[in-house]
């Protein structure tokens, strides 16, 4: 069973997400919150595997909430929710430790799939919107780019191949198929990549890969 915390200041949005998630027998909503402060309180009170967190909220926004949630002793994985696919705050949320983001108009079945994917330890970068977002806010002139390229140089050629696919938002299964590898081998490569890059999750690794100029084009 995957325990979920739904965080959004719009009561109707919360209700819709709770109703949607309840259609999957493997998912259960253990708590709701209308802002970031309440979200952290609920995450401390309940065992939460996945937190669906809105970006723009009163008292504490989704970025600060994500940072606080990920700093908990037993942190939930975070999926950021946003209305706009080019919302400048989404990049900050991903950098704060979110495992991915969804647009609020995402197809219901895709929202459920995203929860399962992230619960399985994978990232969820919206295939089109995420690339535009990252490309917009990650430019070669950014100071982080130089550091990213330095870390990138320490990877093996095969690890670079895996990271290139990861930067495009591919799942482990998709990377395995594209590179002719076993999925278990991909998982091992991803673990080593995260360690080498000093990334907290695969989404942060994808951001670093974009900084290094990898995966910017299909």
Protein backbone atom coordinates (compact mmCIF):
# COMPACT_ATOMS: atom_id res chain seq x y z
CA UNK A 1 0.00 0.00 0.00
CA UNK A 2 1.24 3.48 -0.90
CA UNK A 3 0.34 6.18 1.62
CA UNK A 4 -0.32 9.60 0.13
CA UNK A 5 -0.49 13.15 1.46
CA UNK A 6 -2.46 15.60 -0.73
CA UNK A 7 -1.41 19.25 -0.34
CA UNK A 8 -3.31 22.04 -2.09
CA UNK A 9 -4.97 25.23 -0.88
CA UNK A 10 -7.95 24.63 -3.21
CA UNK A 11 -10.42 22.37 -1.42
CA UNK A 12 -12.01 21.27 -4.70
CA UNK A 13 -8.63 20.24 -6.12
CA UNK A 14 -7.89 18.25 -2.97
CA UNK A 15 -11.28 16.55 -3.19
CA UNK A 16 -10.74 15.68 -6.84
CA UNK A 17 -7.30 14.20 -6.18
CA UNK A 18 -8.54 12.19 -3.20
CA UNK A 19 -11.44 10.81 -5.23
CA UNK A 20 -9.11 9.93 -8.11
CA UNK A 21 -6.50 8.23 -5.94
CA UNK A 22 -9.18 6.22 -4.14
CA UNK A 23 -9.95 4.40 -7.41
CA UNK A 24 -6.63 2.54 -7.14
CA UNK A 25 -6.70 -0.19 -4.45
CA UNK A 26 -2.94 0.14 -3.94
CA UNK A 27 -3.18 3.82 -2.98
CA UNK A 28 -4.56 5.37 0.18
CA UNK A 29 -4.75 9.03 1.15
CA UNK A 30 -3.71 9.22 4.79
CA UNK A 31 -3.84 13.01 5.15
CA UNK A 32 -4.63 16.32 3.47
CA UNK A 33 -3.22 19.82 3.97
CA UNK A 34 -4.09 23.28 2.67
CA UNK A 35 -0.59 24.77 2.93
CA UNK A 36 3.05 23.85 3.39
CA UNK A 37 3.16 24.21 7.16
CA UNK A 38 0.19 21.89 7.58
CA UNK A 39 1.79 19.47 5.13
CA UNK A 40 4.92 19.13 7.24
CA UNK A 41 2.81 18.65 10.36
CA UNK A 42 0.79 15.90 8.66
CA UNK A 43 3.93 14.19 7.36
CA UNK A 44 5.31 14.06 10.90
CA UNK A 45 2.01 12.69 12.21
CA UNK A 46 1.48 10.04 9.54
CA UNK A 47 3.64 7.63 7.57
CA UNK A 48 3.63 9.18 4.12
CA UNK A 49 5.22 7.58 1.07
CA UNK A 50 4.22 10.18 -1.53
CA UNK A 51 3.26 13.83 -1.09
CA UNK A 52 1.43 15.56 -3.92
CA UNK A 53 2.31 19.21 -3.29
CA UNK A 54 0.91 22.33 -4.96
CA UNK A 55 3.47 25.04 -5.73
CA UNK A 56 1.57 28.21 -4.88
CA UNK A 57 0.04 28.14 -1.41
CA UNK A 58 -0.34 30.53 1.55
CA UNK A 59 1.84 30.50 4.71
CA UNK A 60 4.42 28.14 3.18
CA UNK A 61 4.64 27.48 -0.56
CA UNK A 62 5.37 24.17 -2.21
CA UNK A 63 9.06 24.87 -2.64
CA UNK A 64 9.72 25.46 1.06
CA UNK A 65 7.38 22.60 1.93
CA UNK A 66 9.28 20.23 -0.36
CA UNK A 67 12.56 21.20 1.26
CA UNK A 68 11.11 20.65 4.74
CA UNK A 69 9.46 17.36 3.80
CA UNK A 70 12.65 15.98 2.27
CA UNK A 71 14.58 16.93 5.42
CA UNK A 72 12.39 14.79 7.69
CA UNK A 73 13.97 11.68 9.26
CA UNK A 74 11.72 9.43 7.15
CA UNK A 75 11.04 11.71 4.16
CA UNK A 76 8.23 11.12 1.69
CA UNK A 77 8.90 11.37 -2.01
CA UNK A 78 7.41 14.56 -3.44
CA UNK A 79 5.53 15.19 -6.66
CA UNK A 80 4.98 18.88 -7.34
CA UNK A 81 1.68 20.02 -8.79
CA UNK A 82 1.37 23.15 -10.92
CA UNK A 83 -1.15 24.80 -13.19
CA UNK A 84 1.42 26.10 -15.67
CA UNK A 85 4.02 23.96 -17.41
CA UNK A 86 6.50 26.87 -17.43
CA UNK A 87 5.94 27.91 -13.83
CA UNK A 88 9.33 29.22 -12.73
CA UNK A 89 8.77 27.84 -9.24
CA UNK A 90 8.71 24.25 -10.45
CA UNK A 91 12.44 24.21 -11.17
CA UNK A 92 13.10 25.44 -7.64
CA UNK A 93 10.86 22.70 -6.26
CA UNK A 94 12.75 20.04 -8.22
CA UNK A 95 16.05 21.46 -6.99
CA UNK A 96 14.65 21.36 -3.45
CA UNK A 97 14.25 17.59 -3.73
CA UNK A 98 10.98 16.88 -5.54
CA UNK A 99 11.02 13.65 -7.52
CA UNK A 100 9.00 15.16 -10.31
CA UNK A 101 6.07 17.35 -11.21
CA UNK A 102 2.66 17.06 -12.81
CA UNK A 103 0.40 19.57 -14.48
CA UNK A 104 -3.00 19.77 -12.83
CA UNK A 105 -4.67 19.00 -16.16
CA UNK A 106 -2.70 15.74 -16.50
CA UNK A 107 -4.88 12.78 -17.48
CA UNK A 108 -6.17 10.98 -14.35
CA UNK A 109 -4.57 7.66 -15.32
CA UNK A 110 -1.22 9.45 -15.76
CA UNK A 111 -1.45 10.94 -12.27
CA UNK A 112 -1.98 7.49 -10.81
CA UNK A 113 0.87 6.10 -12.92
CA UNK A 114 3.14 8.91 -11.75
CA UNK A 115 2.48 8.04 -8.11
CA UNK A 116 3.44 4.43 -8.75
CA UNK A 117 6.55 5.40 -10.74
CA UNK A 118 7.81 7.78 -8.05
CA UNK A 119 6.96 5.33 -5.27
CA UNK A 120 9.16 2.83 -7.11
CA UNK A 121 12.09 5.24 -6.75
CA UNK A 122 11.98 6.72 -10.22
CA UNK A 123 11.55 10.33 -11.29
CA UNK A 124 8.56 11.76 -13.12
CA UNK A 125 9.50 14.55 -15.50
CA UNK A 126 6.62 15.47 -17.77
CA UNK A 127 8.11 14.54 -21.20
CA UNK A 128 7.48 17.85 -22.97
CA UNK A 129 6.85 20.45 -20.30
CA UNK A 130 9.79 19.39 -18.15
CA UNK A 131 12.25 19.73 -20.99
CA UNK A 132 11.03 23.25 -21.79
CA UNK A 133 11.13 24.17 -18.12
CA UNK A 134 14.63 22.88 -17.51
CA UNK A 135 15.95 24.32 -20.75
CA UNK A 136 14.51 27.70 -19.83
CA UNK A 137 16.04 27.89 -16.36
CA UNK A 138 19.23 25.91 -16.97
CA UNK A 139 21.59 27.82 -19.23
CA UNK A 140 25.23 27.13 -19.93
CA UNK A 141 26.15 30.46 -18.36
CA UNK A 142 24.78 29.43 -14.97
CA UNK A 143 27.53 28.92 -12.34
CA UNK A 144 26.15 25.45 -11.63
CA UNK A 145 26.99 24.38 -15.18
CA UNK A 146 30.74 24.37 -14.59
CA UNK A 147 30.40 22.29 -11.43
CA UNK A 148 28.04 19.90 -13.22
CA UNK A 149 30.52 19.39 -16.07
CA UNK A 150 33.29 18.66 -13.57
CA UNK A 151 31.22 15.98 -11.86
CA UNK A 152 30.10 14.62 -15.21
CA UNK A 153 33.71 13.98 -16.28
CA UNK A 154 34.06 11.37 -13.54
CA UNK A 155 31.40 9.11 -15.05
CA UNK A 156 32.18 6.11 -17.25
CA UNK A 157 31.01 6.17 -20.90
CA UNK A 158 28.19 3.73 -20.08
CA UNK A 159 27.08 5.82 -17.10
CA UNK A 160 26.99 8.86 -19.38
CA UNK A 161 24.76 6.93 -21.78
CA UNK A 162 22.38 6.08 -18.95
CA UNK A 163 22.43 9.66 -17.65
CA UNK A 164 21.64 11.00 -21.13
CA UNK A 165 18.48 8.90 -21.22
CA UNK A 166 17.65 9.79 -17.63
CA UNK A 167 17.93 13.49 -18.56
CA UNK A 168 15.20 12.95 -21.14
CA UNK A 169 12.89 11.59 -18.46
CA UNK A 170 13.14 7.92 -19.44
CA UNK A 171 12.15 5.27 -16.91
CA UNK A 172 14.52 2.43 -16.00
CA UNK A 173 12.61 0.12 -18.34
CA UNK A 174 12.88 2.62 -21.21
CA UNK A 175 16.60 3.12 -20.60
CA UNK A 176 17.14 -0.65 -20.55
CA UNK A 177 15.30 -1.05 -23.86
CA UNK A 178 17.13 1.86 -25.50
CA UNK A 179 20.60 0.74 -24.42
CA UNK A 180 20.13 -3.03 -24.60
CA UNK A 181 20.66 -3.56 -20.86
CA UNK A 182 18.90 -5.39 -18.07
CA UNK A 183 16.70 -3.19 -15.90
CA UNK A 184 18.62 -4.32 -12.81
CA UNK A 185 21.84 -3.12 -14.47
CA UNK A 186 20.24 0.25 -15.19
CA UNK A 187 19.25 0.57 -11.53
CA UNK A 188 22.84 -0.14 -10.50
CA UNK A 189 24.14 2.47 -12.93
CA UNK A 190 21.63 5.04 -11.67
CA UNK A 191 22.71 4.45 -8.08
CA UNK A 192 26.37 5.00 -9.00
CA UNK A 193 25.47 8.10 -11.02
CA UNK A 194 23.60 9.64 -8.10
CA UNK A 195 26.59 9.06 -5.85
CA UNK A 196 29.08 10.46 -8.34
CA UNK A 197 27.02 13.58 -9.01
CA UNK A 198 26.06 14.12 -5.38
CA UNK A 199 22.40 14.12 -6.43
CA UNK A 200 19.62 13.35 -3.98
CA UNK A 201 17.42 11.70 -6.60
CA UNK A 202 17.27 11.01 -10.33
CA UNK A 203 15.44 14.26 -11.05
CA UNK A 204 18.30 16.27 -9.56
CA UNK A 205 20.69 14.13 -11.62
CA UNK A 206 18.69 15.07 -14.72
CA UNK A 207 19.01 18.74 -13.82
CA UNK A 208 22.77 18.36 -13.42
CA UNK A 209 22.90 16.57 -16.75
CA UNK A 210 21.17 19.51 -18.39
CA UNK A 211 23.68 21.84 -16.73
CA UNK A 212 26.44 19.74 -18.28
CA UNK A 213 24.83 20.10 -21.70
CA UNK A 214 23.61 16.49 -21.79
CA UNK A 215 20.18 15.41 -22.91
CA UNK A 216 19.10 18.79 -24.18
CA UNK A 217 17.99 17.41 -27.52
CA UNK A 218 16.26 14.23 -28.60
